[in-house]
Amino acid sequence: MGFCLSGAAQTTGTSATDPAVQNQTQQPQNQTQQPRSQEKEIQKQEQSQRVLGVVSMFSVTSRQDAPPLTSSEKFHLTLKQVTDPFTFGSAAVQAGLGPATDEFSGYGQGAAGYGKRYGATYADQASSQFFSNFFYPVLFKEDPRYFRSGEGTIKHRIGYALAQEFVCHTDAGGRSFAWENVLGAFTAGGLSNVYYPSTDRGFGLTMSRSAIALAYGSAGGLL
């Protein structure tokens, strides 16, 4: 009897191809896809931010409850930073100041020296972005973005900005020590020994350059 009732239910009930059934199964998918598309649009707007229309602020969000980035979104953010015209331009300016301050004297002077300085400066920026915005954030499930406070007293906001180089949001929604920034700075600093002149290599110089990079990160938070 149970078998017959089951067969009757299948015959007289709505079939799998019934439009009503299809609408019911597709509706939850549409509900999840729509917020995701809205989030993509918000990220697109955030990753177009610039200070004075020049300095890129692609990894800054004013939403404290922003959904975590996926691994592919972290890679996209890194790629956007590395290929931005401001990144190329800032590397060009810094390489141009090198001969005047005799930075990386082992590279020499002239066009050849400038080219080597430019390559080293750009490599520094690219490796820093790769490790701090993609590799370690994916490895430790951390969010590489700067979560802007935007409220409170000046003293509070200064303290918040300085702390963000060492405190980050996690993909799970909590807070954690920012391994992405600290390890990213020291990894990029260690990698620079591969292409820096022999006179600018070594443990001590690597540690000092990495510490300076972290200080620059805190200054960027203040900006």
Protein backbone atom coordinates (compact mmCIF):
# COMPACT_ATOMS: atom_id res chain seq x y z
CA MET A 1 0.00 0.00 0.00
CA GLY A 2 2.77 2.36 0.86
CA PHE A 3 4.33 1.74 -2.52
CA CYS A 4 1.07 2.47 -4.33
CA LEU A 5 0.51 5.70 -2.41
CA SER A 6 4.00 6.78 -3.23
CA GLY A 7 3.47 6.07 -6.91
CA ALA A 8 0.18 7.96 -6.91
CA ALA A 9 1.82 10.94 -5.28
CA GLN A 10 4.47 11.00 -7.95
CA THR A 11 1.85 10.79 -10.68
CA THR A 12 -0.66 13.35 -9.41
CA GLY A 13 1.81 15.73 -7.71
CA THR A 14 3.91 18.47 -9.33
CA SER A 15 6.64 17.09 -11.55
CA ALA A 16 10.34 18.02 -11.48
CA THR A 17 9.81 20.05 -14.62
CA ASP A 18 6.93 22.07 -13.19
CA PRO A 19 7.70 25.82 -13.56
CA ALA A 20 6.58 26.41 -9.97
CA VAL A 21 9.15 23.94 -8.71
CA GLN A 22 11.87 25.48 -10.84
CA ASN A 23 11.07 28.92 -9.48
CA GLN A 24 11.28 27.62 -5.92
CA THR A 25 14.69 26.04 -6.51
CA GLN A 26 16.11 28.99 -8.41
CA GLN A 27 14.90 31.66 -6.01
CA PRO A 28 17.45 30.92 -3.22
CA GLN A 29 20.25 30.99 -5.80
CA ASN A 30 19.10 34.38 -7.08
CA GLN A 31 18.90 35.67 -3.51
CA THR A 32 22.54 34.71 -2.88
CA GLN A 33 23.80 35.92 -6.24
CA GLN A 34 22.23 39.36 -5.96
CA PRO A 35 24.01 40.43 -2.73
CA ARG A 36 27.26 39.04 -4.16
CA SER A 37 26.89 41.16 -7.28
CA GLN A 38 26.20 44.19 -5.09
CA GLU A 39 29.34 43.44 -3.07
CA LYS A 40 31.36 43.22 -6.30
CA GLU A 41 30.13 46.66 -7.28
CA ILE A 42 31.04 48.12 -3.87
CA GLN A 43 34.52 46.58 -4.10
CA LYS A 44 34.92 48.06 -7.56
CA GLN A 45 34.14 51.52 -6.19
CA GLU A 46 36.48 51.05 -3.22
CA GLN A 47 39.29 49.89 -5.48
CA SER A 48 39.02 53.11 -7.48
CA GLN A 49 39.73 55.41 -4.52
CA ARG A 50 42.63 57.85 -4.78
CA VAL A 51 44.03 60.63 -2.61
CA LEU A 52 43.89 63.90 -4.55
CA GLY A 53 43.01 61.81 -7.58
CA VAL A 54 46.55 60.39 -7.75
CA VAL A 55 47.63 58.18 -4.82
CA SER A 56 45.89 54.81 -4.95
CA MET A 57 43.81 53.68 -1.95
CA PHE A 58 42.55 50.42 -3.39
CA SER A 59 42.89 48.41 -0.18
CA VAL A 60 40.92 50.81 2.03
CA THR A 61 37.33 50.25 3.11
CA SER A 62 35.14 52.33 5.40
CA ARG A 63 32.88 49.33 6.13
CA GLN A 64 33.81 47.67 9.40
CA ASP A 65 31.44 44.80 8.54
CA ALA A 66 32.67 44.29 4.98
CA PRO A 67 32.45 40.63 3.88
CA PRO A 68 35.84 38.88 3.66
CA LEU A 69 37.66 38.70 0.36
CA THR A 70 38.00 35.40 -1.44
CA SER A 71 41.45 34.17 -2.49
CA SER A 72 40.80 35.31 -6.06
CA GLU A 73 39.67 38.73 -4.84
CA LYS A 74 42.86 39.09 -2.79
CA PHE A 75 44.89 38.23 -5.88
CA HIS A 76 42.91 40.74 -7.96
CA LEU A 77 43.55 43.44 -5.36
CA THR A 78 47.28 42.67 -5.43
CA LEU A 79 47.41 42.69 -9.22
CA LYS A 80 45.53 45.99 -9.37
CA GLN A 81 48.00 47.60 -6.95
CA VAL A 82 51.08 46.24 -8.73
CA THR A 83 49.94 47.33 -12.20
CA ASP A 84 48.59 50.75 -11.22
CA PRO A 85 50.24 53.75 -12.95
CA PHE A 86 50.96 55.31 -9.56
CA THR A 87 53.08 52.29 -8.61
CA PHE A 88 55.17 52.66 -11.76
CA GLY A 89 55.39 56.43 -11.29
CA SER A 90 56.44 56.32 -7.65
CA ALA A 91 59.13 53.75 -8.50
CA ALA A 92 60.40 56.05 -11.25
CA VAL A 93 60.61 59.04 -8.88
CA GLN A 94 62.35 57.07 -6.15
CA ALA A 95 64.83 55.63 -8.66
CA GLY A 96 65.54 59.15 -9.88
CA LEU A 97 66.40 60.31 -6.37
CA GLY A 98 68.82 57.42 -5.90
CA PRO A 99 71.86 58.93 -7.65
CA ALA A 100 71.43 62.22 -5.77
CA THR A 101 71.54 60.48 -2.41
CA ASP A 102 73.98 57.82 -3.66
CA GLU A 103 71.52 55.13 -2.66
CA PHE A 104 72.57 51.72 -3.94
CA SER A 105 75.93 53.08 -5.05
CA GLY A 106 76.80 49.63 -6.39
CA TYR A 107 74.39 50.21 -9.27
CA GLY A 108 76.51 53.07 -10.56
CA GLN A 109 75.39 56.27 -12.27
CA GLY A 110 73.85 57.15 -15.62
CA ALA A 111 71.04 55.42 -17.49
CA ALA A 112 72.24 51.94 -16.53
CA GLY A 113 72.31 52.85 -12.85
CA TYR A 114 68.87 54.41 -13.08
CA GLY A 115 67.45 51.32 -14.77
CA LYS A 116 68.82 49.04 -12.05
CA ARG A 117 67.47 51.30 -9.31
CA TYR A 118 64.08 51.41 -11.00
CA GLY A 119 63.97 47.63 -11.30
CA ALA A 120 64.94 47.18 -7.65
CA THR A 121 62.41 49.75 -6.43
CA TYR A 122 59.57 48.27 -8.44
CA ALA A 123 60.54 44.75 -7.33
CA ASP A 124 60.37 45.94 -3.71
CA GLN A 125 56.85 47.28 -4.19
CA ALA A 126 55.63 44.26 -6.15
CA SER A 127 56.99 41.70 -3.69
CA SER A 128 55.63 43.64 -0.73
CA GLN A 129 52.16 43.73 -2.31
CA PHE A 130 52.32 40.03 -3.19
CA PHE A 131 53.26 38.82 0.28
CA SER A 132 51.20 41.33 2.32
CA ASN A 133 48.04 41.43 0.19
CA PHE A 134 47.87 37.91 -1.20
CA PHE A 135 50.25 35.17 -0.02
CA TYR A 136 50.09 35.61 3.76
CA PRO A 137 46.43 36.78 3.82
CA VAL A 138 45.44 33.57 2.01
CA LEU A 139 47.74 31.43 4.17
CA PHE A 140 46.55 32.86 7.50
CA LYS A 141 43.00 33.70 6.34
CA GLU A 142 43.44 37.41 7.07
CA ASP A 143 41.93 40.41 5.32
CA PRO A 144 44.60 42.63 3.69
CA ARG A 145 42.41 45.73 3.59
CA TYR A 146 42.73 48.75 5.86
CA PHE A 147 39.42 49.15 7.73
CA ARG A 148 39.05 52.88 8.19
CA SER A 149 37.55 54.04 11.49
CA GLY A 150 36.27 57.43 10.37
CA GLU A 151 34.88 58.35 13.79
CA GLY A 152 35.94 59.21 17.33
CA THR A 153 38.42 61.73 18.67
CA ILE A 154 41.62 62.63 16.84
CA LYS A 155 43.65 60.86 19.50
CA HIS A 156 41.58 57.70 19.13
CA ARG A 157 41.83 57.75 15.35
CA ILE A 158 45.60 58.25 15.41
CA GLY A 159 46.01 55.31 17.78
CA TYR A 160 43.67 53.21 15.67
CA ALA A 161 45.57 54.03 12.46
CA LEU A 162 48.95 53.16 13.95
CA ALA A 163 47.66 49.90 15.40
CA GLN A 164 46.19 48.66 12.12
CA GLU A 165 49.62 47.74 10.79
CA PHE A 166 49.74 45.08 13.52
CA VAL A 167 46.05 44.23 14.01
CA CYS A 168 43.93 42.91 11.16
CA HIS A 169 40.48 41.55 10.40
CA THR A 170 40.25 37.83 9.80
CA ASP A 171 38.15 36.06 7.19
CA ALA A 172 36.09 34.58 10.04
CA GLY A 173 35.11 38.06 11.21
CA GLY A 174 37.41 38.39 14.22
CA ARG A 175 40.69 40.19 14.88
CA SER A 176 44.22 38.83 14.82
CA PHE A 177 47.86 39.84 14.86
CA ALA A 178 48.65 41.05 11.34
CA TRP A 179 51.05 38.35 10.25
CA GLU A 180 50.35 39.47 6.70
CA ASN A 181 51.98 42.87 7.26
CA VAL A 182 54.85 41.84 9.54
CA LEU A 183 55.87 38.68 7.71
CA GLY A 184 55.19 40.40 4.39
CA ALA A 185 57.62 43.21 5.22
CA PHE A 186 60.39 40.88 6.39
CA THR A 187 59.89 38.41 3.54
CA ALA A 188 60.07 41.16 0.93
CA GLY A 189 63.11 42.59 2.74
CA GLY A 190 64.84 39.23 2.69
CA LEU A 191 64.04 38.71 -0.99
CA SER A 192 65.64 42.05 -1.86
CA ASN A 193 69.04 40.56 -1.02
CA VAL A 194 68.79 38.64 -4.28
CA TYR A 195 68.94 41.78 -6.46
CA TYR A 196 70.46 44.49 -4.24
CA PRO A 197 74.17 45.36 -4.67
CA SER A 198 76.51 43.40 -2.39
CA THR A 199 77.16 46.55 -0.34
CA ASP A 200 73.44 46.81 0.50
CA ARG A 201 72.83 43.23 1.58
CA GLY A 202 73.01 41.55 4.95
CA PHE A 203 70.93 40.69 8.01
CA GLY A 204 71.21 44.08 9.69
CA LEU A 205 70.22 46.06 6.59
CA THR A 206 67.34 43.67 5.90
CA MET A 207 65.96 44.11 9.42
CA SER A 208 66.20 47.89 9.28
CA ARG A 209 64.57 48.12 5.85
CA SER A 210 61.74 45.84 6.97
CA ALA A 211 61.14 47.93 10.09
CA ILE A 212 61.06 51.08 7.95
CA ALA A 213 58.52 49.41 5.65
CA LEU A 214 56.26 48.76 8.65
CA ALA A 215 56.64 52.38 9.72
CA TYR A 216 55.63 53.48 6.24
CA GLY A 217 52.58 51.22 6.55
CA SER A 218 51.53 52.96 9.75
CA ALA A 219 52.06 56.34 8.08
CA GLY A 220 49.82 55.20 5.25
CA GLY A 221 47.12 54.39 7.80
CA LEU A 222 47.35 57.94 9.15
CA LEU A 223 47.01 59.30 5.62
